[in-house]
Amino acid sequence: MRLALVALLALAAPALAKPPPSAPLLAQLALDAEVLFPDQLGADGGRAKVSVSVAAEATDVKLELTGVDGMKVEPDNRLVVRVNALHPGQPFVFEVAFRPAAGRSALSVRGTARVGGTPASMARSYPWAPAPQGNPQPPPAAVVDVATLRRGLPEGQVVRVEAWVLESFRCPPCPPGAMCKPCLMQSAIFLGATKDHPRFPVGNPPPDVAAVGVQFPGRFEHGARYTLDVRATTRTGPTMLDGVVLQAWKDGASVPLDAPPPPPDAPGGPPPPGGTPQLPPPPPPGGTAGVALLAPMSTDVVALHRGLPDGQVVRLEAWVLEGYLCPPCPPKAQCKPCMMQSAIFLGATRDHPRFPLTSPPGDVAVVGAQSPGQFTPGLRYTLDVRATAKAGPSSVDGVVVQAWQDGRPVALDAPPPPPR
């Protein structure tokens, strides 16, 4: 992917004649937008990734994307995206299908929002130009280590780093014309100086781990060593990136960054990626053209355990630590209540210390599951969970809506297979 443009889109407020020093200056509140255009186009054009973040709380956000100078945007050269609220440190990522003109053309982004209850607006044009023929290599990169990359480099500087891939995260692609809630972060891999680094939450990596953006994290094998050319970016929060991968090599062979990995069972296919499988939610019935159902927002185990709004659907990756099945009560029988409903216990790491099921620690989330035996303790899953309001120490943090293991759906309403 080519980094097309990074722009600070100032929110323009109605002019105030000499405001008092205590009045809020809306010009200081901004949206930070990053547009990534693909290096290559298909017969029907391409898809640009738009990542929007805010420096302050914003509500009633409306974005209108159109093509100018010959560019066409789907559908009908106009895409409208609405977001109820944007929060600092939580990027809003979506894709737009476009067909550029023969020469230079541009993507126009106009937005409105309410900041502190006051209307604000923005407008910016992002130019696109065909990639030079021959795909020339970037200039030789300075060699740095992971710690230097993580500490921060001048934005735009290209460096070379040798590192181990420790973890990965894949932000599910937003369906065409959809309005999606922001992922925990954009798709990325996590680099370390050693292979045996302790596990960590991808939403808050330790200082000796660098996070770099890639389109297809599944192209990188966990526990393998890579050489990477990285364009440094400005890390603006704990979930932001330290850079974007321009090219990479493993054992001297180039890694194809702009193509999805082959399936795990294909000849020469890599191990299943640790990122979220590409399983977007179904479109809403009777939805408006250009606007679709919000995809689940990504979160982590700790945030789910702390509590989310009742009914909110979130997506997380976690290890199943334990399971509990409330035995069914026979017909016409009078049974004592179970200590809790059937559930699974989720953690951010596989080797979590054991704990009493009735009083799990603060870094373990409890989610209801009809058939806990469908989940294998010690395996990592991707789950969509509907948050619930906890009413006591034995209540659950949410209910599993759907789940996947190694990209395969889990049959939530079926009993587990008998043991061999």
Protein backbone atom coordinates (compact mmCIF):
# COMPACT_ATOMS: atom_id res chain seq x y z
CA MET A 1 0.00 0.00 0.00
CA ARG A 2 1.13 3.52 -0.71
CA LEU A 3 0.62 6.12 1.94
CA ALA A 4 -1.22 8.68 -0.14
CA LEU A 5 -1.56 11.51 2.29
CA VAL A 6 -1.72 12.29 5.97
CA ALA A 7 -3.55 15.46 6.75
CA LEU A 8 -4.68 17.27 9.83
CA LEU A 9 -8.23 18.27 9.06
CA ALA A 10 -9.06 21.25 11.24
CA LEU A 11 -12.64 21.56 12.40
CA ALA A 12 -13.72 25.01 11.36
CA ALA A 13 -16.03 26.78 13.80
CA PRO A 14 -18.07 29.95 13.21
CA ALA A 15 -15.81 32.96 13.55
CA LEU A 16 -15.80 34.66 16.93
CA ALA A 17 -14.53 38.19 17.28
CA LYS A 18 -11.80 38.16 19.94
CA PRO A 19 -13.13 35.33 22.10
CA PRO A 20 -12.29 35.51 25.80
CA PRO A 21 -9.29 33.45 26.90
CA SER A 22 -11.54 30.93 28.64
CA ALA A 23 -13.67 30.21 25.53
CA PRO A 24 -12.96 26.92 23.76
CA LEU A 25 -11.06 27.34 20.51
CA LEU A 26 -12.67 24.90 18.11
CA ALA A 27 -9.84 25.35 15.63
CA GLN A 28 -7.66 23.36 18.03
CA LEU A 29 -10.01 20.36 17.83
CA ALA A 30 -9.15 18.23 14.81
CA LEU A 31 -9.71 15.05 12.88
CA ASP A 32 -6.58 13.16 11.85
CA ALA A 33 -7.24 11.39 8.54
CA GLU A 34 -5.04 8.90 6.72
CA VAL A 35 -5.88 7.59 3.24
CA LEU A 36 -4.19 4.50 1.80
CA PHE A 37 -4.53 3.85 -1.92
CA PRO A 38 -3.68 0.42 -3.39
CA ASP A 39 -0.54 0.01 -5.48
CA GLN A 40 -2.41 -1.93 -8.13
CA LEU A 41 -5.94 -1.67 -9.53
CA GLY A 42 -8.26 -4.38 -10.78
CA ALA A 43 -10.60 -4.30 -13.73
CA ASP A 44 -13.20 -2.51 -11.61
CA GLY A 45 -10.80 -0.06 -9.96
CA GLY A 46 -9.61 -0.38 -6.39
CA ARG A 47 -10.45 0.16 -2.73
CA ALA A 48 -8.95 2.94 -0.64
CA LYS A 49 -8.72 2.61 3.14
CA VAL A 50 -9.71 5.70 5.12
CA SER A 51 -8.68 5.91 8.79
CA VAL A 52 -10.11 8.76 10.84
CA SER A 53 -9.22 9.59 14.45
CA VAL A 54 -10.05 12.53 16.66
CA ALA A 55 -8.10 14.59 19.15
CA ALA A 56 -11.26 15.33 21.17
CA GLU A 57 -14.75 13.90 21.68
CA ALA A 58 -16.99 14.36 18.64
CA THR A 59 -20.63 13.41 17.98
CA ASP A 60 -23.03 13.32 15.02
CA VAL A 61 -20.15 12.81 12.60
CA LYS A 62 -21.11 12.70 8.92
CA LEU A 63 -18.57 12.07 6.16
CA GLU A 64 -19.32 12.49 2.46
CA LEU A 65 -16.84 11.04 -0.04
CA THR A 66 -16.91 11.91 -3.74
CA GLY A 67 -14.54 11.57 -6.68
CA VAL A 68 -13.19 14.66 -8.41
CA ASP A 69 -11.09 15.31 -11.52
CA GLY A 70 -12.46 12.18 -13.17
CA MET A 71 -12.39 9.79 -10.20
CA LYS A 72 -15.63 7.89 -9.50
CA VAL A 73 -16.68 6.62 -6.07
CA GLU A 74 -19.15 3.79 -5.45
CA PRO A 75 -22.09 4.02 -5.30
CA ASP A 76 -23.03 6.75 -7.80
CA ASN A 77 -19.90 8.80 -7.00
CA ARG A 78 -21.12 9.53 -3.47
CA LEU A 79 -20.61 7.59 -0.26
CA VAL A 80 -22.11 8.88 3.00
CA VAL A 81 -20.82 7.50 6.31
CA ARG A 82 -22.39 8.42 9.65
CA VAL A 83 -20.89 7.83 13.07
CA ASN A 84 -22.70 8.56 16.31
CA ALA A 85 -19.54 9.33 18.25
CA LEU A 86 -15.76 9.31 17.85
CA HIS A 87 -13.38 9.10 20.78
CA PRO A 88 -9.68 9.97 21.02
CA GLY A 89 -7.39 6.99 20.50
CA GLN A 90 -10.05 4.89 18.71
CA PRO A 91 -9.55 5.19 14.94
CA PHE A 92 -12.58 4.81 12.69
CA VAL A 93 -11.56 2.75 9.65
CA PHE A 94 -13.59 2.09 6.52
CA GLU A 95 -13.02 1.41 2.83
CA VAL A 96 -14.32 3.13 -0.28
CA ALA A 97 -14.44 1.63 -3.77
CA PHE A 98 -13.11 3.99 -6.45
CA ARG A 99 -12.23 4.10 -10.13
CA PRO A 100 -9.59 6.74 -10.91
CA ALA A 101 -9.19 8.71 -14.11
CA ALA A 102 -6.40 7.95 -16.60
CA GLY A 103 -4.08 10.55 -15.05
CA ARG A 104 -4.21 12.30 -11.72
CA SER A 105 -7.55 12.44 -9.91
CA ALA A 106 -8.62 12.87 -6.31
CA LEU A 107 -10.85 11.69 -3.51
CA SER A 108 -12.82 14.47 -1.82
CA VAL A 109 -13.78 14.07 1.85
CA ARG A 110 -16.19 16.50 3.48
CA GLY A 111 -17.36 16.15 7.04
CA THR A 112 -19.55 17.73 9.66
CA ALA A 113 -19.73 17.07 13.39
CA ARG A 114 -20.77 18.56 16.69
CA VAL A 115 -17.91 19.34 19.03
CA GLY A 116 -18.92 20.41 22.49
CA GLY A 117 -22.44 20.98 21.13
CA THR A 118 -21.22 23.42 18.47
CA PRO A 119 -21.40 22.66 14.71
CA ALA A 120 -18.06 22.14 12.98
CA SER A 121 -16.98 21.14 9.47
CA MET A 122 -14.01 19.94 7.43
CA ALA A 123 -13.07 19.45 3.76
CA ARG A 124 -9.98 17.92 2.12
CA SER A 125 -8.97 16.42 -1.22
CA TYR A 126 -6.65 13.39 -1.46
CA PRO A 127 -4.88 13.08 -4.85
CA TRP A 128 -4.22 9.76 -6.52
CA ALA A 129 -1.70 9.11 -9.29
CA PRO A 130 -0.70 5.87 -11.06
CA ALA A 131 2.27 4.06 -9.55
CA PRO A 132 5.51 4.49 -11.54
CA GLN A 133 6.24 1.69 -13.98
CA GLY A 134 8.75 -0.91 -12.87
CA ASN A 135 7.91 -0.63 -9.13
CA PRO A 136 11.22 0.98 -8.13
CA GLN A 137 12.56 0.06 -4.71
CA PRO A 138 12.55 2.73 -1.98
CA PRO A 139 15.89 4.32 -1.14
CA PRO A 140 18.23 2.34 1.12
CA ALA A 141 16.92 2.38 4.65
CA ALA A 142 18.87 3.12 7.82
CA VAL A 143 19.08 0.05 10.07
CA VAL A 144 17.49 0.39 13.52
CA ASP A 145 16.30 -2.00 16.21
CA VAL A 146 12.80 -2.55 17.59
CA ALA A 147 13.36 -0.36 20.65
CA THR A 148 14.41 2.61 18.49
CA LEU A 149 11.39 2.19 16.24
CA ARG A 150 9.09 2.03 19.24
CA ARG A 151 10.62 5.09 20.92
CA GLY A 152 9.71 7.10 17.85
CA LEU A 153 11.37 8.32 14.65
CA PRO A 154 10.68 11.36 12.46
CA GLU A 155 7.41 10.82 10.64
CA GLY A 156 7.98 9.53 7.11
CA GLN A 157 11.55 8.28 7.72
CA VAL A 158 12.19 4.87 6.11
CA VAL A 159 14.19 2.44 8.23
CA ARG A 160 15.15 -1.22 8.06
CA VAL A 161 14.64 -3.49 11.04
CA GLU A 162 15.22 -7.17 11.73
CA ALA A 163 12.76 -8.56 14.23
CA TRP A 164 10.63 -11.49 15.32
CA VAL A 165 6.89 -11.42 14.64
CA LEU A 166 5.25 -11.98 18.03
CA GLU A 167 1.57 -11.27 17.39
CA SER A 168 -0.81 -9.93 14.77
CA PHE A 169 -4.19 -8.23 14.59
CA ARG A 170 -6.51 -8.06 11.58
CA CYS A 171 -9.19 -5.41 11.38
CA PRO A 172 -12.07 -7.05 9.47
CA PRO A 173 -12.73 -5.24 6.18
CA CYS A 174 -15.80 -3.03 6.15
CA PRO A 175 -18.37 -4.24 3.57
CA PRO A 176 -18.80 -2.02 0.48
CA GLY A 177 -20.87 1.06 1.27
CA ALA A 178 -20.98 0.16 4.95
CA MET A 179 -20.60 2.25 8.09
CA CYS A 180 -18.51 0.28 10.56
CA LYS A 181 -17.51 0.86 14.15
CA PRO A 182 -13.76 1.36 14.58
CA CYS A 183 -11.49 -1.60 15.20
CA LEU A 184 -9.22 -1.71 18.20
CA MET A 185 -6.53 -0.59 15.74
CA GLN A 186 -5.74 -1.03 12.07
CA SER A 187 -4.35 -4.35 10.83
CA ALA A 188 -0.82 -4.78 12.18
CA ILE A 189 1.93 -7.11 13.25
CA PHE A 190 3.87 -6.81 16.51
CA LEU A 191 7.66 -7.00 16.44
CA GLY A 192 10.10 -7.98 19.17
CA ALA A 193 13.85 -8.36 19.52
CA THR A 194 13.54 -11.94 20.82
CA LYS A 195 11.43 -14.92 19.83
CA ASP A 196 10.35 -15.90 23.35
CA HIS A 197 8.82 -12.58 24.43
CA PRO A 198 6.08 -12.92 27.07
CA ARG A 199 2.53 -12.58 25.75
CA PHE A 200 0.81 -9.20 25.95
CA PRO A 201 -2.53 -7.58 25.05
CA VAL A 202 -2.37 -6.30 21.47
CA GLY A 203 -4.30 -3.21 22.52
CA ASN A 204 -1.50 -2.14 24.85
CA PRO A 205 1.86 -3.66 23.86
CA PRO A 206 4.87 -3.18 26.17
CA PRO A 207 7.61 -0.61 25.39
CA ASP A 208 9.93 -3.24 23.85
CA VAL A 209 7.36 -4.21 21.19
CA ALA A 210 6.73 -2.21 18.00
CA ALA A 211 3.41 -2.27 16.12
CA VAL A 212 3.61 -1.78 12.35
CA GLY A 213 0.70 -1.66 9.92
CA VAL A 214 0.25 -4.28 7.19
CA GLN A 215 -2.72 -5.05 4.95
CA PHE A 216 -2.63 -8.83 5.47
CA PRO A 217 -1.12 -9.83 8.85
CA GLY A 218 -1.67 -13.50 7.95
CA ARG A 219 1.27 -13.21 5.56
CA PHE A 220 3.57 -13.13 8.60
CA GLU A 221 4.22 -16.27 10.62
CA HIS A 222 4.29 -15.93 14.39
CA GLY A 223 7.68 -16.89 15.82
CA ALA A 224 9.56 -16.24 12.58
CA ARG A 225 12.27 -13.64 11.94
CA TYR A 226 11.83 -11.04 9.21
CA THR A 227 13.69 -8.15 7.64
CA LEU A 228 11.35 -5.20 7.09
CA ASP A 229 11.50 -1.74 5.56
CA VAL A 230 9.18 0.48 7.60
CA ARG A 231 7.98 4.05 7.11
CA ALA A 232 7.80 5.60 10.58
CA THR A 233 4.55 7.16 11.77
CA THR A 234 3.68 9.29 14.75
CA ARG A 235 2.30 7.21 17.61
CA THR A 236 -0.50 9.27 19.15
CA GLY A 237 -1.82 6.78 21.70
CA PRO A 238 -1.32 3.32 23.22
CA THR A 239 -3.11 1.59 20.30
CA MET A 240 -1.49 3.56 17.48
CA LEU A 241 1.21 2.33 15.12
CA ASP A 242 4.96 2.94 15.08
CA GLY A 243 5.13 2.59 11.30
CA VAL A 244 3.83 1.01 8.10
CA VAL A 245 5.59 -1.90 6.37
CA LEU A 246 6.76 -1.05 2.83
CA GLN A 247 8.41 -4.38 2.02
CA ALA A 248 9.55 -7.45 3.92
CA TRP A 249 11.67 -10.57 3.50
CA LYS A 250 11.84 -13.93 5.27
CA ASP A 251 14.92 -16.08 4.73
CA GLY A 252 15.82 -13.86 1.77
CA ALA A 253 12.43 -14.36 0.03
CA SER A 254 10.16 -11.36 -0.51
CA VAL A 255 6.82 -11.34 1.34
CA PRO A 256 3.84 -10.42 -0.93
CA LEU A 257 2.24 -7.66 1.12
CA ASP A 258 -0.70 -6.84 -1.17
CA ALA A 259 -2.15 -10.36 -1.51
CA PRO A 260 -4.07 -12.37 1.11
CA PRO A 261 -2.34 -15.49 2.41
CA PRO A 262 -3.34 -18.89 1.01
CA PRO A 263 -5.73 -20.95 3.18
CA PRO A 264 -4.07 -22.92 5.98
CA ASP A 265 -4.68 -26.27 4.26
CA ALA A 266 -3.28 -25.15 0.89
CA PRO A 267 0.13 -26.51 -0.17
CA GLY A 268 2.76 -24.26 1.34
CA GLY A 269 0.11 -22.25 3.17
CA PRO A 270 1.10 -20.49 6.39
CA PRO A 271 -0.27 -21.34 9.82
CA PRO A 272 -3.69 -19.81 10.53
CA PRO A 273 -3.24 -16.09 11.26
CA GLY A 274 -3.85 -14.76 14.73
CA GLY A 275 -5.95 -11.89 13.34
CA THR A 276 -9.71 -11.68 13.15
CA PRO A 277 -11.25 -13.76 10.31
CA GLN A 278 -12.85 -11.87 7.48
CA LEU A 279 -16.44 -12.47 8.52
CA PRO A 280 -18.37 -9.19 8.19
CA PRO A 281 -21.89 -9.04 9.64
CA PRO A 282 -24.89 -9.42 7.31
CA PRO A 283 -26.39 -6.22 5.89
CA PRO A 284 -29.43 -4.87 7.74
CA PRO A 285 -32.87 -5.65 6.31
CA GLY A 286 -34.17 -2.71 4.36
CA GLY A 287 -30.89 -0.80 4.77
CA THR A 288 -30.24 2.46 2.96
CA ALA A 289 -27.96 2.34 -0.08
CA GLY A 290 -24.44 3.33 0.90
CA VAL A 291 -25.05 2.72 4.62
CA ALA A 292 -25.00 -0.68 6.31
CA LEU A 293 -25.15 -2.19 9.78
CA LEU A 294 -22.31 -1.26 12.12
CA ALA A 295 -19.73 -4.04 12.36
CA PRO A 296 -18.77 -5.10 15.91
CA MET A 297 -16.28 -2.81 17.61
CA SER A 298 -13.08 -4.56 18.67
CA THR A 299 -12.21 -4.70 22.36
CA ASP A 300 -10.13 -6.78 24.77
CA VAL A 301 -10.83 -9.04 27.74
CA VAL A 302 -10.14 -6.42 30.40
CA ALA A 303 -12.47 -3.84 28.82
CA LEU A 304 -15.23 -6.45 28.52
CA HIS A 305 -14.82 -7.45 32.17
CA ARG A 306 -14.83 -3.84 33.35
CA GLY A 307 -18.23 -3.43 31.74
CA LEU A 308 -19.70 -2.15 28.48
CA PRO A 309 -23.14 -0.69 27.72
CA ASP A 310 -25.82 -3.37 28.05
CA GLY A 311 -26.58 -4.84 24.62
CA GLN A 312 -23.46 -3.53 22.84
CA VAL A 313 -21.93 -6.12 20.50
CA VAL A 314 -18.12 -6.24 20.47
CA ARG A 315 -15.48 -8.47 18.87
CA LEU A 316 -12.46 -9.76 20.75
CA GLU A 317 -9.71 -12.35 20.49
CA ALA A 318 -9.03 -14.33 23.63
CA TRP A 319 -7.88 -17.64 25.02
CA VAL A 320 -10.49 -19.94 26.54
CA LEU A 321 -9.24 -20.74 30.04
CA GLU A 322 -12.13 -22.66 31.57
CA GLY A 323 -15.72 -23.71 30.88
CA TYR A 324 -18.73 -24.30 33.11
CA LEU A 325 -21.91 -26.18 32.17
CA CYS A 326 -25.03 -25.74 34.22
CA PRO A 327 -26.61 -29.24 34.15
CA PRO A 328 -30.10 -29.20 32.60
CA CYS A 329 -32.94 -29.83 35.01
CA PRO A 330 -34.93 -32.99 34.15
CA PRO A 331 -38.58 -32.46 33.13
CA LYS A 332 -40.94 -31.90 36.08
CA ALA A 333 -38.01 -32.02 38.49
CA GLN A 334 -37.22 -29.48 41.17
CA CYS A 335 -33.55 -28.56 40.93
CA LYS A 336 -31.31 -26.32 42.93
CA PRO A 337 -30.09 -23.29 40.96
CA CYS A 338 -26.66 -23.56 39.41
CA MET A 339 -23.89 -21.34 40.77
CA MET A 340 -24.06 -19.51 37.43
CA GLN A 341 -25.28 -19.96 33.89
CA SER A 342 -23.28 -22.02 31.41
CA ALA A 343 -20.26 -19.96 30.40
CA ILE A 344 -16.68 -19.85 29.23
CA PHE A 345 -13.88 -17.88 30.85
CA LEU A 346 -11.64 -15.77 28.62
CA GLY A 347 -8.12 -14.47 29.18
CA ALA A 348 -5.56 -12.43 27.25
CA THR A 349 -2.87 -15.11 27.68
CA ARG A 350 -2.90 -18.88 27.46
CA ASP A 351 -0.95 -19.59 30.65
CA HIS A 352 -3.18 -17.68 33.10
CA PRO A 353 -3.03 -18.96 36.70
CA ARG A 354 -6.03 -20.99 37.83
CA PHE A 355 -8.85 -19.24 39.69
CA PRO A 356 -12.20 -20.04 41.35
CA LEU A 357 -14.97 -19.97 38.75
CA THR A 358 -17.33 -18.12 41.09
CA SER A 359 -14.83 -15.29 41.60
CA PRO A 360 -12.66 -14.78 38.51
CA PRO A 361 -9.92 -12.10 38.66
CA GLY A 362 -10.16 -8.73 36.96
CA ASP A 363 -8.28 -9.84 33.85
CA VAL A 364 -10.73 -12.66 33.06
CA ALA A 365 -14.07 -12.15 31.30
CA VAL A 366 -17.02 -14.51 31.72
CA VAL A 367 -19.36 -14.93 28.74
CA GLY A 368 -22.46 -17.08 28.52
CA ALA A 369 -22.40 -20.00 26.07
CA GLN A 370 -25.16 -22.55 25.56
CA SER A 371 -22.68 -25.37 24.99
CA PRO A 372 -19.35 -24.58 26.67
CA GLY A 373 -18.03 -27.97 25.54
CA GLN A 374 -17.78 -26.58 21.99
CA PHE A 375 -14.86 -24.46 23.25
CA THR A 376 -11.52 -26.12 24.03
CA PRO A 377 -9.55 -24.65 26.95
CA GLY A 378 -6.09 -23.58 25.85
CA LEU A 379 -7.17 -22.52 22.34
CA ARG A 380 -7.52 -18.99 21.00
CA TYR A 381 -10.87 -17.85 19.60
CA THR A 382 -12.40 -14.84 17.92
CA LEU A 383 -15.79 -14.04 19.43
CA ASP A 384 -18.63 -11.60 18.91
CA VAL A 385 -20.12 -10.92 22.36
CA ARG A 386 -23.25 -9.02 23.38
CA ALA A 387 -22.39 -7.19 26.60
CA THR A 388 -24.65 -7.58 29.63
CA ALA A 389 -25.08 -5.56 32.79
CA LYS A 390 -23.44 -7.50 35.61
CA ALA A 391 -25.77 -7.93 38.56
CA GLY A 392 -23.43 -9.78 40.91
CA PRO A 393 -20.12 -11.63 41.24
CA SER A 394 -21.52 -14.75 39.53
CA SER A 395 -23.16 -12.97 36.60
CA VAL A 396 -21.63 -12.90 33.14
CA ASP A 397 -19.97 -10.03 31.28
CA GLY A 398 -21.72 -10.92 28.03
CA VAL A 399 -23.22 -13.63 25.85
CA VAL A 400 -21.47 -15.19 22.85
CA VAL A 401 -23.26 -14.32 19.60
CA GLN A 402 -20.87 -16.07 17.22
CA ALA A 403 -17.33 -17.43 17.41
CA TRP A 404 -14.51 -18.77 15.25
CA GLN A 405 -11.46 -20.92 15.88
CA ASP A 406 -8.71 -20.84 13.23
CA GLY A 407 -11.21 -19.11 10.93
CA ARG A 408 -13.84 -21.86 11.30
CA PRO A 409 -17.26 -21.07 12.84
CA VAL A 410 -18.06 -22.65 16.21
CA ALA A 411 -21.45 -24.42 16.42
CA LEU A 412 -22.82 -22.61 19.46
CA ASP A 413 -26.19 -24.40 19.61
CA ALA A 414 -24.88 -27.95 19.23
CA PRO A 415 -23.60 -30.26 21.98
CA PRO A 416 -19.87 -30.98 21.88
CA PRO A 417 -18.67 -34.12 20.11
CA PRO A 418 -18.17 -37.13 22.41
CA PRO A 419 -14.62 -37.65 23.66
CA ARG A 420 -12.52 -40.10 21.66
